[in-house]
PDB file of N, CA and C in Angstrom:
ATOM      1  N   UNK A   1      15.915 -24.156 -12.010  1.00  0.00           N
ATOM      2  CA  UNK A   1      16.362 -23.289 -10.942  1.00  0.00           C
ATOM      3  C   UNK A   1      15.313 -22.215 -10.693  1.00  0.00           C
ATOM      4  N   UNK A   2      14.909 -22.069  -9.450  1.00  0.00           N
ATOM      5  CA  UNK A   2      13.936 -21.059  -9.082  1.00  0.00           C
ATOM      6  C   UNK A   2      14.645 -19.754  -8.782  1.00  0.00           C
ATOM      7  N   UNK A   3      14.149 -18.690  -9.368  1.00  0.00           N
ATOM      8  CA  UNK A   3      14.701 -17.365  -9.105  1.00  0.00           C
ATOM      9  C   UNK A   3      13.692 -16.611  -8.258  1.00  0.00           C
ATOM     10  N   UNK A   4      14.170 -16.111  -7.135  1.00  0.00           N
ATOM     11  CA  UNK A   4      13.339 -15.333  -6.225  1.00  0.00           C
ATOM     12  C   UNK A   4      13.771 -13.887  -6.329  1.00  0.00           C
ATOM     13  N   UNK A   5      12.855 -13.013  -6.690  1.00  0.00           N
ATOM     14  CA  UNK A   5      13.160 -11.589  -6.759  1.00  0.00           C
ATOM     15  C   UNK A   5      12.126 -10.817  -5.961  1.00  0.00           C
ATOM     16  N   UNK A   6      12.601  -9.935  -5.138  1.00  0.00           N
ATOM     17  CA  UNK A   6      11.705  -9.087  -4.383  1.00  0.00           C
ATOM     18  C   UNK A   6      12.410  -7.777  -4.072  1.00  0.00           C
ATOM     19  N   UNK A   7      11.682  -6.684  -4.063  1.00  0.00           N
ATOM     20  CA  UNK A   7      12.313  -5.419  -3.686  1.00  0.00           C
ATOM     21  C   UNK A   7      12.597  -5.422  -2.181  1.00  0.00           C
ATOM     22  N   UNK A   8      13.744  -4.887  -1.819  1.00  0.00           N
ATOM     23  CA  UNK A   8      14.139  -4.847  -0.407  1.00  0.00           C
ATOM     24  C   UNK A   8      14.671  -3.465  -0.064  1.00  0.00           C
ATOM     25  N   UNK A   9      14.750  -3.204   1.218  1.00  0.00           N
ATOM     26  CA  UNK A   9      15.384  -1.977   1.677  1.00  0.00           C
ATOM     27  C   UNK A   9      16.847  -2.016   1.242  1.00  0.00           C
ATOM     28  N   UNK A  10      17.415  -0.844   0.988  1.00  0.00           N
ATOM     29  CA  UNK A  10      18.730  -0.789   0.349  1.00  0.00           C
ATOM     30  C   UNK A  10      19.880  -1.378   1.167  1.00  0.00           C
ATOM     31  N   UNK A  11      19.729  -1.574   2.460  1.00  0.00           N
ATOM     32  CA  UNK A  11      20.817  -2.158   3.267  1.00  0.00           C
ATOM     33  C   UNK A  11      20.707  -3.673   3.411  1.00  0.00           C
ATOM     34  N   UNK A  12      19.609  -4.254   2.964  1.00  0.00           N
ATOM     35  CA  UNK A  12      19.374  -5.691   3.153  1.00  0.00           C
ATOM     36  C   UNK A  12      20.449  -6.568   2.499  1.00  0.00           C
ATOM     37  N   UNK A  13      20.843  -6.310   1.241  1.00  0.00           N
ATOM     38  CA  UNK A  13      21.894  -7.174   0.663  1.00  0.00           C
ATOM     39  C   UNK A  13      23.179  -7.175   1.495  1.00  0.00           C
ATOM     40  N   UNK A  14      23.588  -6.002   1.950  1.00  0.00           N
ATOM     41  CA  UNK A  14      24.797  -5.884   2.769  1.00  0.00           C
ATOM     42  C   UNK A  14      24.643  -6.654   4.085  1.00  0.00           C
ATOM     43  N   UNK A  15      23.498  -6.543   4.696  1.00  0.00           N
ATOM     44  CA  UNK A  15      23.235  -7.246   5.964  1.00  0.00           C
ATOM     45  C   UNK A  15      23.275  -8.754   5.741  1.00  0.00           C
ATOM     46  N   UNK A  16      22.637  -9.234   4.683  1.00  0.00           N
ATOM     47  CA  UNK A  16      22.645 -10.667   4.390  1.00  0.00           C
ATOM     48  C   UNK A  16      24.067 -11.182   4.161  1.00  0.00           C
ATOM     49  N   UNK A  17      24.846 -10.429   3.398  1.00  0.00           N
ATOM     50  CA  UNK A  17      26.225 -10.844   3.119  1.00  0.00           C
ATOM     51  C   UNK A  17      27.056 -10.887   4.403  1.00  0.00           C
ATOM     52  N   UNK A  18      26.819  -9.931   5.306  1.00  0.00           N
ATOM     53  CA  UNK A  18      27.574  -9.913   6.567  1.00  0.00           C
ATOM     54  C   UNK A  18      27.209 -11.101   7.452  1.00  0.00           C
ATOM     55  N   UNK A  19      26.050 -11.705   7.176  1.00  0.00           N
ATOM     56  CA  UNK A  19      25.610 -12.895   7.908  1.00  0.00           C
ATOM     57  C   UNK A  19      26.062 -14.181   7.210  1.00  0.00           C
ATOM     58  N   UNK A  20      26.848 -14.015   6.130  1.00  0.00           N
ATOM     59  CA  UNK A  20      27.351 -15.178   5.408  1.00  0.00           C
ATOM     60  C   UNK A  20      26.404 -15.736   4.373  1.00  0.00           C
ATOM     61  N   UNK A  21      25.319 -15.029   4.095  1.00  0.00           N
ATOM     62  CA  UNK A  21      24.348 -15.467   3.094  1.00  0.00           C
ATOM     63  C   UNK A  21      24.750 -14.930   1.730  1.00  0.00           C
ATOM     64  N   UNK A  22      24.536 -15.735   0.721  1.00  0.00           N
ATOM     65  CA  UNK A  22      24.801 -15.289  -0.642  1.00  0.00           C
ATOM     66  C   UNK A  22      23.535 -14.707  -1.239  1.00  0.00           C
ATOM     67  N   UNK A  23      23.683 -13.584  -1.900  1.00  0.00           N
ATOM     68  CA  UNK A  23      22.547 -13.007  -2.620  1.00  0.00           C
ATOM     69  C   UNK A  23      23.085 -12.144  -3.749  1.00  0.00           C
ATOM     70  N   UNK A  24      22.296 -12.020  -4.757  1.00  0.00           N
ATOM     71  CA  UNK A  24      22.628 -11.162  -5.887  1.00  0.00           C
ATOM     72  C   UNK A  24      21.639 -10.011  -5.838  1.00  0.00           C
ATOM     73  N   UNK A  25      22.157  -8.815  -5.919  1.00  0.00           N
ATOM     74  CA  UNK A  25      21.261  -7.657  -5.920  1.00  0.00           C
ATOM     75  C   UNK A  25      21.582  -6.789  -7.124  1.00  0.00           C
ATOM     76  N   UNK A  26      20.611  -6.025  -7.534  1.00  0.00           N
ATOM     77  CA  UNK A  26      20.779  -5.109  -8.653  1.00  0.00           C
ATOM     78  C   UNK A  26      19.793  -3.970  -8.498  1.00  0.00           C
ATOM     79  N   UNK A  27      20.108  -2.878  -9.096  1.00  0.00           N
ATOM     80  CA  UNK A  27      19.190  -1.747  -9.136  1.00  0.00           C
ATOM     81  C   UNK A  27      18.444  -1.808 -10.457  1.00  0.00           C
ATOM     82  N   UNK A  28      17.183  -1.474 -10.417  1.00  0.00           N
ATOM     83  CA  UNK A  28      16.368  -1.471 -11.632  1.00  0.00           C
ATOM     84  C   UNK A  28      15.809  -0.070 -11.855  1.00  0.00           C
ATOM     85  N   UNK A  29      15.337   0.167 -13.048  1.00  0.00           N
ATOM     86  CA  UNK A  29      14.721   1.453 -13.384  1.00  0.00           C
ATOM     87  C   UNK A  29      13.441   1.646 -12.570  1.00  0.00           C
ATOM     88  N   UNK A  30      13.047   2.903 -12.416  1.00  0.00           N
ATOM     89  CA  UNK A  30      11.864   3.232 -11.613  1.00  0.00           C
ATOM     90  C   UNK A  30      10.619   2.468 -12.041  1.00  0.00           C
ATOM     91  N   UNK A  31      10.384   2.371 -13.348  1.00  0.00           N
ATOM     92  CA  UNK A  31       9.181   1.699 -13.849  1.00  0.00           C
ATOM     93  C   UNK A  31       9.151   0.230 -13.415  1.00  0.00           C
ATOM     94  N   UNK A  32      10.285  -0.429 -13.508  1.00  0.00           N
ATOM     95  CA  UNK A  32      10.365  -1.826 -13.080  1.00  0.00           C
ATOM     96  C   UNK A  32      10.216  -1.934 -11.571  1.00  0.00           C
ATOM     97  N   UNK A  33      10.836  -1.004 -10.837  1.00  0.00           N
ATOM     98  CA  UNK A  33      10.755  -1.054  -9.379  1.00  0.00           C
ATOM     99  C   UNK A  33       9.326  -0.835  -8.913  1.00  0.00           C
ATOM    100  N   UNK A  34       8.596   0.042  -9.587  1.00  0.00           N
ATOM    101  CA  UNK A  34       7.187   0.266  -9.256  1.00  0.00           C
ATOM    102  C   UNK A  34       6.399  -1.028  -9.410  1.00  0.00           C
ATOM    103  N   UNK A  35       6.649  -1.754 -10.477  1.00  0.00           N
ATOM    104  CA  UNK A  35       5.998  -3.049 -10.702  1.00  0.00           C
ATOM    105  C   UNK A  35       6.270  -3.991  -9.523  1.00  0.00           C
ATOM    106  N   UNK A  36       7.541  -4.110  -9.137  1.00  0.00           N
ATOM    107  CA  UNK A  36       7.899  -4.970  -7.999  1.00  0.00           C
ATOM    108  C   UNK A  36       7.228  -4.504  -6.711  1.00  0.00           C
ATOM    109  N   UNK A  37       7.229  -3.188  -6.484  1.00  0.00           N
ATOM    110  CA  UNK A  37       6.656  -2.658  -5.245  1.00  0.00           C
ATOM    111  C   UNK A  37       5.151  -2.855  -5.159  1.00  0.00           C
ATOM    112  N   UNK A  38       4.472  -2.804  -6.292  1.00  0.00           N
ATOM    113  CA  UNK A  38       3.023  -3.012  -6.255  1.00  0.00           C
ATOM    114  C   UNK A  38       2.694  -4.430  -5.781  1.00  0.00           C
ATOM    115  N   UNK A  39       3.508  -5.392  -6.170  1.00  0.00           N
ATOM    116  CA  UNK A  39       3.321  -6.742  -5.642  1.00  0.00           C
ATOM    117  C   UNK A  39       3.755  -6.833  -4.182  1.00  0.00           C
ATOM    118  N   UNK A  40       4.777  -6.050  -3.831  1.00  0.00           N
ATOM    119  CA  UNK A  40       5.246  -6.036  -2.446  1.00  0.00           C
ATOM    120  C   UNK A  40       4.165  -5.476  -1.522  1.00  0.00           C
ATOM    121  N   UNK A  41       3.348  -4.542  -2.022  1.00  0.00           N
ATOM    122  CA  UNK A  41       2.229  -4.015  -1.229  1.00  0.00           C
ATOM    123  C   UNK A  41       1.315  -5.149  -0.768  1.00  0.00           C
ATOM    124  N   UNK A  42       0.978  -6.027  -1.688  1.00  0.00           N
ATOM    125  CA  UNK A  42       0.118  -7.163  -1.357  1.00  0.00           C
ATOM    126  C   UNK A  42       0.785  -8.023  -0.292  1.00  0.00           C
ATOM    127  N   UNK A  43       2.064  -8.294  -0.484  1.00  0.00           N
ATOM    128  CA  UNK A  43       2.819  -9.106   0.459  1.00  0.00           C
ATOM    129  C   UNK A  43       2.840  -8.470   1.854  1.00  0.00           C
ATOM    130  N   UNK A  44       3.063  -7.169   1.907  1.00  0.00           N
ATOM    131  CA  UNK A  44       3.117  -6.485   3.202  1.00  0.00           C
ATOM    132  C   UNK A  44       1.758  -6.483   3.900  1.00  0.00           C
ATOM    133  N   UNK A  45       0.686  -6.324   3.143  1.00  0.00           N
ATOM    134  CA  UNK A  45      -0.653  -6.403   3.741  1.00  0.00           C
ATOM    135  C   UNK A  45      -0.880  -7.802   4.294  1.00  0.00           C
ATOM    136  N   UNK A  46      -0.513  -8.819   3.529  1.00  0.00           N
ATOM    137  CA  UNK A  46      -0.665 -10.198   4.003  1.00  0.00           C
ATOM    138  C   UNK A  46       0.154 -10.439   5.269  1.00  0.00           C
ATOM    139  N   UNK A  47       1.387  -9.926   5.309  1.00  0.00           N
ATOM    140  CA  UNK A  47       2.223 -10.076   6.508  1.00  0.00           C
ATOM    141  C   UNK A  47       1.525  -9.468   7.717  1.00  0.00           C
ATOM    142  N   UNK A  48       1.011  -8.247   7.534  1.00  0.00           N
ATOM    143  CA  UNK A  48       0.336  -7.593   8.654  1.00  0.00           C
ATOM    144  C   UNK A  48      -0.906  -8.370   9.098  1.00  0.00           C
ATOM    145  N   UNK A  49      -1.709  -8.809   8.142  1.00  0.00           N
ATOM    146  CA  UNK A  49      -2.931  -9.529   8.499  1.00  0.00           C
ATOM    147  C   UNK A  49      -2.630 -10.818   9.255  1.00  0.00           C
ATOM    148  N   UNK A  50      -1.515 -11.452   8.943  1.00  0.00           N
ATOM    149  CA  UNK A  50      -1.121 -12.671   9.653  1.00  0.00           C
ATOM    150  C   UNK A  50      -0.534 -12.365  11.025  1.00  0.00           C
ATOM    151  N   UNK A  51       0.282 -11.341  11.114  1.00  0.00           N
ATOM    152  CA  UNK A  51       1.035 -11.091  12.349  1.00  0.00           C
ATOM    153  C   UNK A  51       0.386 -10.083  13.286  1.00  0.00           C
ATOM    154  N   UNK A  52      -0.323  -9.110  12.724  1.00  0.00           N
ATOM    155  CA  UNK A  52      -0.862  -7.969  13.483  1.00  0.00           C
ATOM    156  C   UNK A  52       0.255  -7.191  14.174  1.00  0.00           C
ATOM    157  N   UNK A  53       1.465  -7.299  13.660  1.00  0.00           N
ATOM    158  CA  UNK A  53       2.660  -6.695  14.234  1.00  0.00           C
ATOM    159  C   UNK A  53       2.852  -5.278  13.699  1.00  0.00           C
ATOM    160  N   UNK A  54       3.165  -4.343  14.594  1.00  0.00           N
ATOM    161  CA  UNK A  54       3.365  -2.955  14.170  1.00  0.00           C
ATOM    162  C   UNK A  54       4.541  -2.802  13.216  1.00  0.00           C
ATOM    163  N   UNK A  55       5.535  -3.670  13.295  1.00  0.00           N
ATOM    164  CA  UNK A  55       6.656  -3.613  12.364  1.00  0.00           C
ATOM    165  C   UNK A  55       6.181  -3.832  10.922  1.00  0.00           C
ATOM    166  N   UNK A  56       5.180  -4.679  10.748  1.00  0.00           N
ATOM    167  CA  UNK A  56       4.640  -4.894   9.402  1.00  0.00           C
ATOM    168  C   UNK A  56       3.888  -3.669   8.904  1.00  0.00           C
ATOM    169  N   UNK A  57       3.284  -2.900   9.819  1.00  0.00           N
ATOM    170  CA  UNK A  57       2.652  -1.642   9.421  1.00  0.00           C
ATOM    171  C   UNK A  57       3.703  -0.636   8.955  1.00  0.00           C
ATOM    172  N   UNK A  58       4.846  -0.619   9.634  1.00  0.00           N
ATOM    173  CA  UNK A  58       5.937   0.267   9.232  1.00  0.00           C
ATOM    174  C   UNK A  58       6.401  -0.086   7.822  1.00  0.00           C
ATOM    175  N   UNK A  59       6.585  -1.377   7.561  1.00  0.00           N
ATOM    176  CA  UNK A  59       7.004  -1.816   6.225  1.00  0.00           C
ATOM    177  C   UNK A  59       5.968  -1.433   5.178  1.00  0.00           C
ATOM    178  N   UNK A  60       4.709  -1.618   5.510  1.00  0.00           N
ATOM    179  CA  UNK A  60       3.625  -1.276   4.585  1.00  0.00           C
ATOM    180  C   UNK A  60       3.654   0.214   4.251  1.00  0.00           C
ATOM    181  N   UNK A  61       3.807   1.046   5.275  1.00  0.00           N
ATOM    182  CA  UNK A  61       3.855   2.490   5.046  1.00  0.00           C
ATOM    183  C   UNK A  61       5.064   2.876   4.194  1.00  0.00           C
ATOM    184  N   UNK A  62       6.191   2.226   4.441  1.00  0.00           N
ATOM    185  CA  UNK A  62       7.405   2.503   3.662  1.00  0.00           C
ATOM    186  C   UNK A  62       7.180   2.192   2.183  1.00  0.00           C
ATOM    187  N   UNK A  63       6.550   1.065   1.907  1.00  0.00           N
ATOM    188  CA  UNK A  63       6.283   0.686   0.519  1.00  0.00           C
ATOM    189  C   UNK A  63       5.278   1.651  -0.115  1.00  0.00           C
ATOM    190  N   UNK A  64       4.231   2.012   0.614  1.00  0.00           N
ATOM    191  CA  UNK A  64       3.233   2.952   0.089  1.00  0.00           C
ATOM    192  C   UNK A  64       3.897   4.285  -0.257  1.00  0.00           C
ATOM    193  N   UNK A  65       4.739   4.780   0.630  1.00  0.00           N
ATOM    194  CA  UNK A  65       5.393   6.062   0.376  1.00  0.00           C
ATOM    195  C   UNK A  65       6.321   5.994  -0.840  1.00  0.00           C
ATOM    196  N   UNK A  66       7.021   4.879  -1.013  1.00  0.00           N
ATOM    197  CA  UNK A  66       7.912   4.744  -2.171  1.00  0.00           C
ATOM    198  C   UNK A  66       7.108   4.619  -3.467  1.00  0.00           C
ATOM    199  N   UNK A  67       6.004   3.878  -3.428  1.00  0.00           N
ATOM    200  CA  UNK A  67       5.132   3.785  -4.602  1.00  0.00           C
ATOM    201  C   UNK A  67       4.634   5.179  -4.982  1.00  0.00           C
ATOM    202  N   UNK A  68       4.180   5.935  -3.993  1.00  0.00           N
ATOM    203  CA  UNK A  68       3.690   7.287  -4.250  1.00  0.00           C
ATOM    204  C   UNK A  68       4.783   8.136  -4.894  1.00  0.00           C
ATOM    205  N   UNK A  69       5.981   8.072  -4.344  1.00  0.00           N
ATOM    206  CA  UNK A  69       7.081   8.871  -4.883  1.00  0.00           C
ATOM    207  C   UNK A  69       7.400   8.479  -6.324  1.00  0.00           C
ATOM    208  N   UNK A  70       7.388   7.184  -6.605  1.00  0.00           N
ATOM    209  CA  UNK A  70       7.643   6.730  -7.976  1.00  0.00           C
ATOM    210  C   UNK A  70       6.537   7.179  -8.933  1.00  0.00           C
ATOM    211  N   UNK A  71       5.359   7.461  -8.392  1.00  0.00           N
ATOM    212  CA  UNK A  71       4.251   7.953  -9.212  1.00  0.00           C
ATOM    213  C   UNK A  71       4.205   9.486  -9.216  1.00  0.00           C
ATOM    214  N   UNK A  72       5.258  10.098  -8.652  1.00  0.00           N
ATOM    215  CA  UNK A  72       5.352  11.554  -8.672  1.00  0.00           C
ATOM    216  C   UNK A  72       4.627  12.258  -7.544  1.00  0.00           C
ATOM    217  N   UNK A  73       4.299  11.532  -6.504  1.00  0.00           N
ATOM    218  CA  UNK A  73       3.569  12.112  -5.372  1.00  0.00           C
ATOM    219  C   UNK A  73       4.513  12.166  -4.172  1.00  0.00           C
ATOM    220  N   UNK A  74       4.888  13.371  -3.774  1.00  0.00           N
ATOM    221  CA  UNK A  74       5.780  13.531  -2.635  1.00  0.00           C
ATOM    222  C   UNK A  74       5.051  13.197  -1.337  1.00  0.00           C
ATOM    223  N   UNK A  75       5.811  13.013  -0.276  1.00  0.00           N
ATOM    224  CA  UNK A  75       5.211  12.737   1.039  1.00  0.00           C
ATOM    225  C   UNK A  75       4.295  13.888   1.451  1.00  0.00           C
ATOM    226  N   UNK A  76       4.716  15.130   1.175  1.00  0.00           N
ATOM    227  CA  UNK A  76       3.878  16.285   1.509  1.00  0.00           C
ATOM    228  C   UNK A  76       2.585  16.293   0.704  1.00  0.00           C
ATOM    229  N   UNK A  77       2.689  15.970  -0.593  1.00  0.00           N
ATOM    230  CA  UNK A  77       1.496  15.921  -1.449  1.00  0.00           C
ATOM    231  C   UNK A  77       0.557  14.818  -0.975  1.00  0.00           C
ATOM    232  N   UNK A  78       1.124  13.673  -0.598  1.00  0.00           N
ATOM    233  CA  UNK A  78       0.319  12.567  -0.085  1.00  0.00           C
ATOM    234  C   UNK A  78      -0.431  13.004   1.174  1.00  0.00           C
ATOM    235  N   UNK A  79       0.254  13.736   2.031  1.00  0.00           N
ATOM    236  CA  UNK A  79      -0.362  14.241   3.257  1.00  0.00           C
ATOM    237  C   UNK A  79      -1.482  15.229   2.938  1.00  0.00           C
ATOM    238  N   UNK A  80      -1.245  16.090   1.950  1.00  0.00           N
ATOM    239  CA  UNK A  80      -2.258  17.051   1.523  1.00  0.00           C
ATOM    240  C   UNK A  80      -3.473  16.338   0.940  1.00  0.00           C
ATOM    241  N   UNK A  81      -3.222  15.351   0.090  1.00  0.00           N
ATOM    242  CA  UNK A  81      -4.316  14.586  -0.512  1.00  0.00           C
ATOM    243  C   UNK A  81      -5.135  13.881   0.571  1.00  0.00           C
ATOM    244  N   UNK A  82      -4.459  13.347   1.558  1.00  0.00           N
ATOM    245  CA  UNK A  82      -5.146  12.671   2.661  1.00  0.00           C
ATOM    246  C   UNK A  82      -6.022  13.671   3.422  1.00  0.00           C
ATOM    247  N   UNK A  83      -5.488  14.855   3.691  1.00  0.00           N
ATOM    248  CA  UNK A  83      -6.257  15.886   4.397  1.00  0.00           C
ATOM    249  C   UNK A  83      -7.478  16.316   3.593  1.00  0.00           C
ATOM    250  N   UNK A  84      -7.300  16.454   2.273  1.00  0.00           N
ATOM    251  CA  UNK A  84      -8.428  16.837   1.419  1.00  0.00           C
ATOM    252  C   UNK A  84      -9.517  15.767   1.454  1.00  0.00           C
ATOM    253  N   UNK A  85      -9.113  14.529   1.376  1.00  0.00           N
ATOM    254  CA  UNK A  85     -10.085  13.435   1.395  1.00  0.00           C
ATOM    255  C   UNK A  85     -10.791  13.374   2.744  1.00  0.00           C
ATOM    256  N   UNK A  86     -10.026  13.578   3.813  1.00  0.00           N
ATOM    257  CA  UNK A  86     -10.611  13.587   5.160  1.00  0.00           C
ATOM    258  C   UNK A  86     -11.629  14.713   5.290  1.00  0.00           C
ATOM    259  N   UNK A  87     -11.285  15.891   4.764  1.00  0.00           N
ATOM    260  CA  UNK A  87     -12.189  17.027   4.814  1.00  0.00           C
ATOM    261  C   UNK A  87     -13.473  16.748   4.040  1.00  0.00           C
ATOM    262  N   UNK A  88     -13.329  16.081   2.899  1.00  0.00           N
ATOM    263  CA  UNK A  88     -14.471  15.819   2.026  1.00  0.00           C
ATOM    264  C   UNK A  88     -15.363  14.680   2.522  1.00  0.00           C
ATOM    265  N   UNK A  89     -14.768  13.541   2.890  1.00  0.00           N
ATOM    266  CA  UNK A  89     -15.589  12.374   3.240  1.00  0.00           C
ATOM    267  C   UNK A  89     -15.239  11.749   4.590  1.00  0.00           C
ATOM    268  N   UNK A  90     -14.370  12.415   5.345  1.00  0.00           N
ATOM    269  CA  UNK A  90     -14.037  11.938   6.682  1.00  0.00           C
ATOM    270  C   UNK A  90     -12.849  10.986   6.681  1.00  0.00           C
ATOM    271  N   UNK A  91     -12.624  10.380   7.857  1.00  0.00           N
ATOM    272  CA  UNK A  91     -11.533   9.423   8.016  1.00  0.00           C
ATOM    273  C   UNK A  91     -12.081   8.178   8.705  1.00  0.00           C
ATOM    274  N   UNK A  92     -11.209   7.356   9.206  1.00  0.00           N
ATOM    275  CA  UNK A  92     -11.641   6.105   9.824  1.00  0.00           C
ATOM    276  C   UNK A  92     -11.656   6.178  11.351  1.00  0.00           C
ATOM    277  N   UNK A  93     -11.568   7.385  11.923  1.00  0.00           N
ATOM    278  CA  UNK A  93     -11.484   7.527  13.376  1.00  0.00           C
ATOM    279  C   UNK A  93     -12.791   7.197  14.089  1.00  0.00           C
ATOM    280  N   UNK A  94     -13.911   7.213  13.386  1.00  0.00           N
ATOM    281  CA  UNK A  94     -15.192   6.943  14.033  1.00  0.00           C
ATOM    282  C   UNK A  94     -15.561   5.476  14.123  1.00  0.00           C
ATOM    283  N   UNK A  95     -14.703   4.605  13.574  1.00  0.00           N
ATOM    284  CA  UNK A  95     -14.971   3.156  13.579  1.00  0.00           C
ATOM    285  C   UNK A  95     -16.323   2.819  12.952  1.00  0.00           C
ATOM    286  N   UNK A  96     -16.705   3.555  11.921  1.00  0.00           N
ATOM    287  CA  UNK A  96     -18.002   3.383  11.266  1.00  0.00           C
ATOM    288  C   UNK A  96     -17.942   2.249  10.256  1.00  0.00           C
ATOM    289  N   UNK A  97     -18.970   1.391  10.297  1.00  0.00           N
ATOM    290  CA  UNK A  97     -19.122   0.295   9.338  1.00  0.00           C
ATOM    291  C   UNK A  97     -20.509   0.420   8.738  1.00  0.00           C
ATOM    292  N   UNK A  98     -20.627   0.289   7.413  1.00  0.00           N
ATOM    293  CA  UNK A  98     -21.951   0.305   6.800  1.00  0.00           C
ATOM    294  C   UNK A  98     -22.307  -1.107   6.366  1.00  0.00           C
ATOM    295  N   UNK A  99     -23.590  -1.360   6.308  1.00  0.00           N
ATOM    296  CA  UNK A  99     -24.046  -2.676   5.880  1.00  0.00           C
ATOM    297  C   UNK A  99     -25.478  -2.570   5.377  1.00  0.00           C
ATOM    298  N   UNK A 100     -25.913  -3.633   4.750  1.00  0.00           N
ATOM    299  CA  UNK A 100     -27.316  -3.743   4.382  1.00  0.00           C
ATOM    300  C   UNK A 100     -27.988  -4.545   5.491  1.00  0.00           C
ATOM    301  N   UNK A 101     -29.272  -4.731   5.378  1.00  0.00           N
ATOM    302  CA  UNK A 101     -29.965  -5.543   6.374  1.00  0.00           C
ATOM    303  C   UNK A 101     -29.425  -6.960   6.355  1.00  0.00           C
ATOM    304  N   UNK A 102     -29.464  -7.612   7.485  1.00  0.00           N
ATOM    305  CA  UNK A 102     -28.960  -8.979   7.574  1.00  0.00           C
ATOM    306  C   UNK A 102     -29.670  -9.868   6.565  1.00  0.00           C
ATOM    307  N   UNK A 103     -28.885 -10.611   5.839  1.00  0.00           N
ATOM    308  CA  UNK A 103     -29.432 -11.541   4.859  1.00  0.00           C
ATOM    309  C   UNK A 103     -29.817 -10.911   3.539  1.00  0.00           C
ATOM    310  N   UNK A 104     -29.651  -9.593   3.416  1.00  0.00           N
ATOM    311  CA  UNK A 104     -30.015  -8.901   2.186  1.00  0.00           C
ATOM    312  C   UNK A 104     -28.735  -8.554   1.431  1.00  0.00           C
ATOM    313  N   UNK A 105     -28.655  -9.008   0.194  1.00  0.00           N
ATOM    314  CA  UNK A 105     -27.510  -8.684  -0.638  1.00  0.00           C
ATOM    315  C   UNK A 105     -27.587  -7.211  -1.032  1.00  0.00           C
ATOM    316  N   UNK A 106     -26.452  -6.514  -1.092  1.00  0.00           N
ATOM    317  CA  UNK A 106     -26.488  -5.115  -1.519  1.00  0.00           C
ATOM    318  C   UNK A 106     -27.024  -5.010  -2.942  1.00  0.00           C
ATOM    319  N   UNK A 107     -27.936  -4.058  -3.171  1.00  0.00           N
ATOM    320  CA  UNK A 107     -28.477  -3.892  -4.514  1.00  0.00           C
ATOM    321  C   UNK A 107     -27.518  -3.075  -5.369  1.00  0.00           C
ATOM    322  N   UNK A 108     -27.811  -2.994  -6.648  1.00  0.00           N
ATOM    323  CA  UNK A 108     -26.915  -2.330  -7.589  1.00  0.00           C
ATOM    324  C   UNK A 108     -26.707  -0.857  -7.254  1.00  0.00           C
ATOM    325  N   UNK A 109     -27.755  -0.176  -6.786  1.00  0.00           N
ATOM    326  CA  UNK A 109     -27.588   1.248  -6.489  1.00  0.00           C
ATOM    327  C   UNK A 109     -26.682   1.466  -5.277  1.00  0.00           C
ATOM    328  N   UNK A 110     -26.754   0.567  -4.294  1.00  0.00           N
ATOM    329  CA  UNK A 110     -25.889   0.644  -3.113  1.00  0.00           C
ATOM    330  C   UNK A 110     -24.435   0.471  -3.541  1.00  0.00           C
ATOM    331  N   UNK A 111     -24.172  -0.538  -4.340  1.00  0.00           N
ATOM    332  CA  UNK A 111     -22.813  -0.805  -4.829  1.00  0.00           C
ATOM    333  C   UNK A 111     -22.332   0.357  -5.697  1.00  0.00           C
ATOM    334  N   UNK A 112     -23.194   0.874  -6.548  1.00  0.00           N
ATOM    335  CA  UNK A 112     -22.831   1.999  -7.414  1.00  0.00           C
ATOM    336  C   UNK A 112     -22.509   3.235  -6.580  1.00  0.00           C
ATOM    337  N   UNK A 113     -23.268   3.466  -5.524  1.00  0.00           N
ATOM    338  CA  UNK A 113     -23.006   4.610  -4.646  1.00  0.00           C
ATOM    339  C   UNK A 113     -21.628   4.479  -3.986  1.00  0.00           C
ATOM    340  N   UNK A 114     -21.285   3.296  -3.560  1.00  0.00           N
ATOM    341  CA  UNK A 114     -19.958   3.077  -2.975  1.00  0.00           C
ATOM    342  C   UNK A 114     -18.864   3.340  -4.005  1.00  0.00           C
ATOM    343  N   UNK A 115     -19.084   2.905  -5.247  1.00  0.00           N
ATOM    344  CA  UNK A 115     -18.109   3.145  -6.302  1.00  0.00           C
ATOM    345  C   UNK A 115     -17.973   4.646  -6.584  1.00  0.00           C
ATOM    346  N   UNK A 116     -19.090   5.372  -6.576  1.00  0.00           N
ATOM    347  CA  UNK A 116     -19.034   6.827  -6.795  1.00  0.00           C
ATOM    348  C   UNK A 116     -18.270   7.507  -5.673  1.00  0.00           C
ATOM    349  N   UNK A 117     -18.415   7.009  -4.445  1.00  0.00           N
ATOM    350  CA  UNK A 117     -17.701   7.571  -3.302  1.00  0.00           C
ATOM    351  C   UNK A 117     -16.199   7.513  -3.515  1.00  0.00           C
ATOM    352  N   UNK A 118     -15.729   6.450  -4.172  1.00  0.00           N
ATOM    353  CA  UNK A 118     -14.295   6.287  -4.407  1.00  0.00           C
ATOM    354  C   UNK A 118     -13.742   7.363  -5.323  1.00  0.00           C
ATOM    355  N   UNK A 119     -14.594   7.963  -6.137  1.00  0.00           N
ATOM    356  CA  UNK A 119     -14.132   8.947  -7.119  1.00  0.00           C
ATOM    357  C   UNK A 119     -14.589  10.362  -6.792  1.00  0.00           C
ATOM    358  N   UNK A 120     -15.055  10.597  -5.570  1.00  0.00           N
ATOM    359  CA  UNK A 120     -15.574  11.916  -5.224  1.00  0.00           C
ATOM    360  C   UNK A 120     -14.526  13.015  -5.272  1.00  0.00           C
ATOM    361  N   UNK A 121     -13.308  12.701  -4.938  1.00  0.00           N
ATOM    362  CA  UNK A 121     -12.267  13.718  -4.887  1.00  0.00           C
ATOM    363  C   UNK A 121     -11.335  13.540  -6.071  1.00  0.00           C
ATOM    364  N   UNK A 122     -11.143  14.630  -6.788  1.00  0.00           N
ATOM    365  CA  UNK A 122     -10.199  14.599  -7.909  1.00  0.00           C
ATOM    366  C   UNK A 122      -8.964  15.380  -7.479  1.00  0.00           C
ATOM    367  N   UNK A 123      -7.806  14.811  -7.750  1.00  0.00           N
ATOM    368  CA  UNK A 123      -6.549  15.448  -7.372  1.00  0.00           C
ATOM    369  C   UNK A 123      -5.896  16.036  -8.593  1.00  0.00           C
ATOM    370  N   UNK A 124      -5.135  17.110  -8.342  1.00  0.00           N
ATOM    371  CA  UNK A 124      -4.381  17.751  -9.433  1.00  0.00           C
ATOM    372  C   UNK A 124      -3.357  16.806  -9.983  1.00  0.00           C
TER     373      UNK A 124
END
């Protein structure tokens, strides 16, 4: 017997049952739910990449916000962290893409510089 488990919005079990579908739902501890949601993040990104639908972006944002909250980061703190990062290294509004010369593989220092960029901002 295959068991399918996935985190869902809290009204989904009720909606499914009202449609005559059988489902078993349960609440899990935060640590377990975080584990499920981290996999759900991948699923939501895949859904968006396949559909390009704005509804999938909404779902993705909902999962990101819940993951943040389970990690102790409030929506306001997330917004503050985003603003700090934007102030420090910018945002994606300029549609900027970096690359090496055509046919040239990125060298170790280029890759290392990109990795250092990921850690430029330290949060409290």
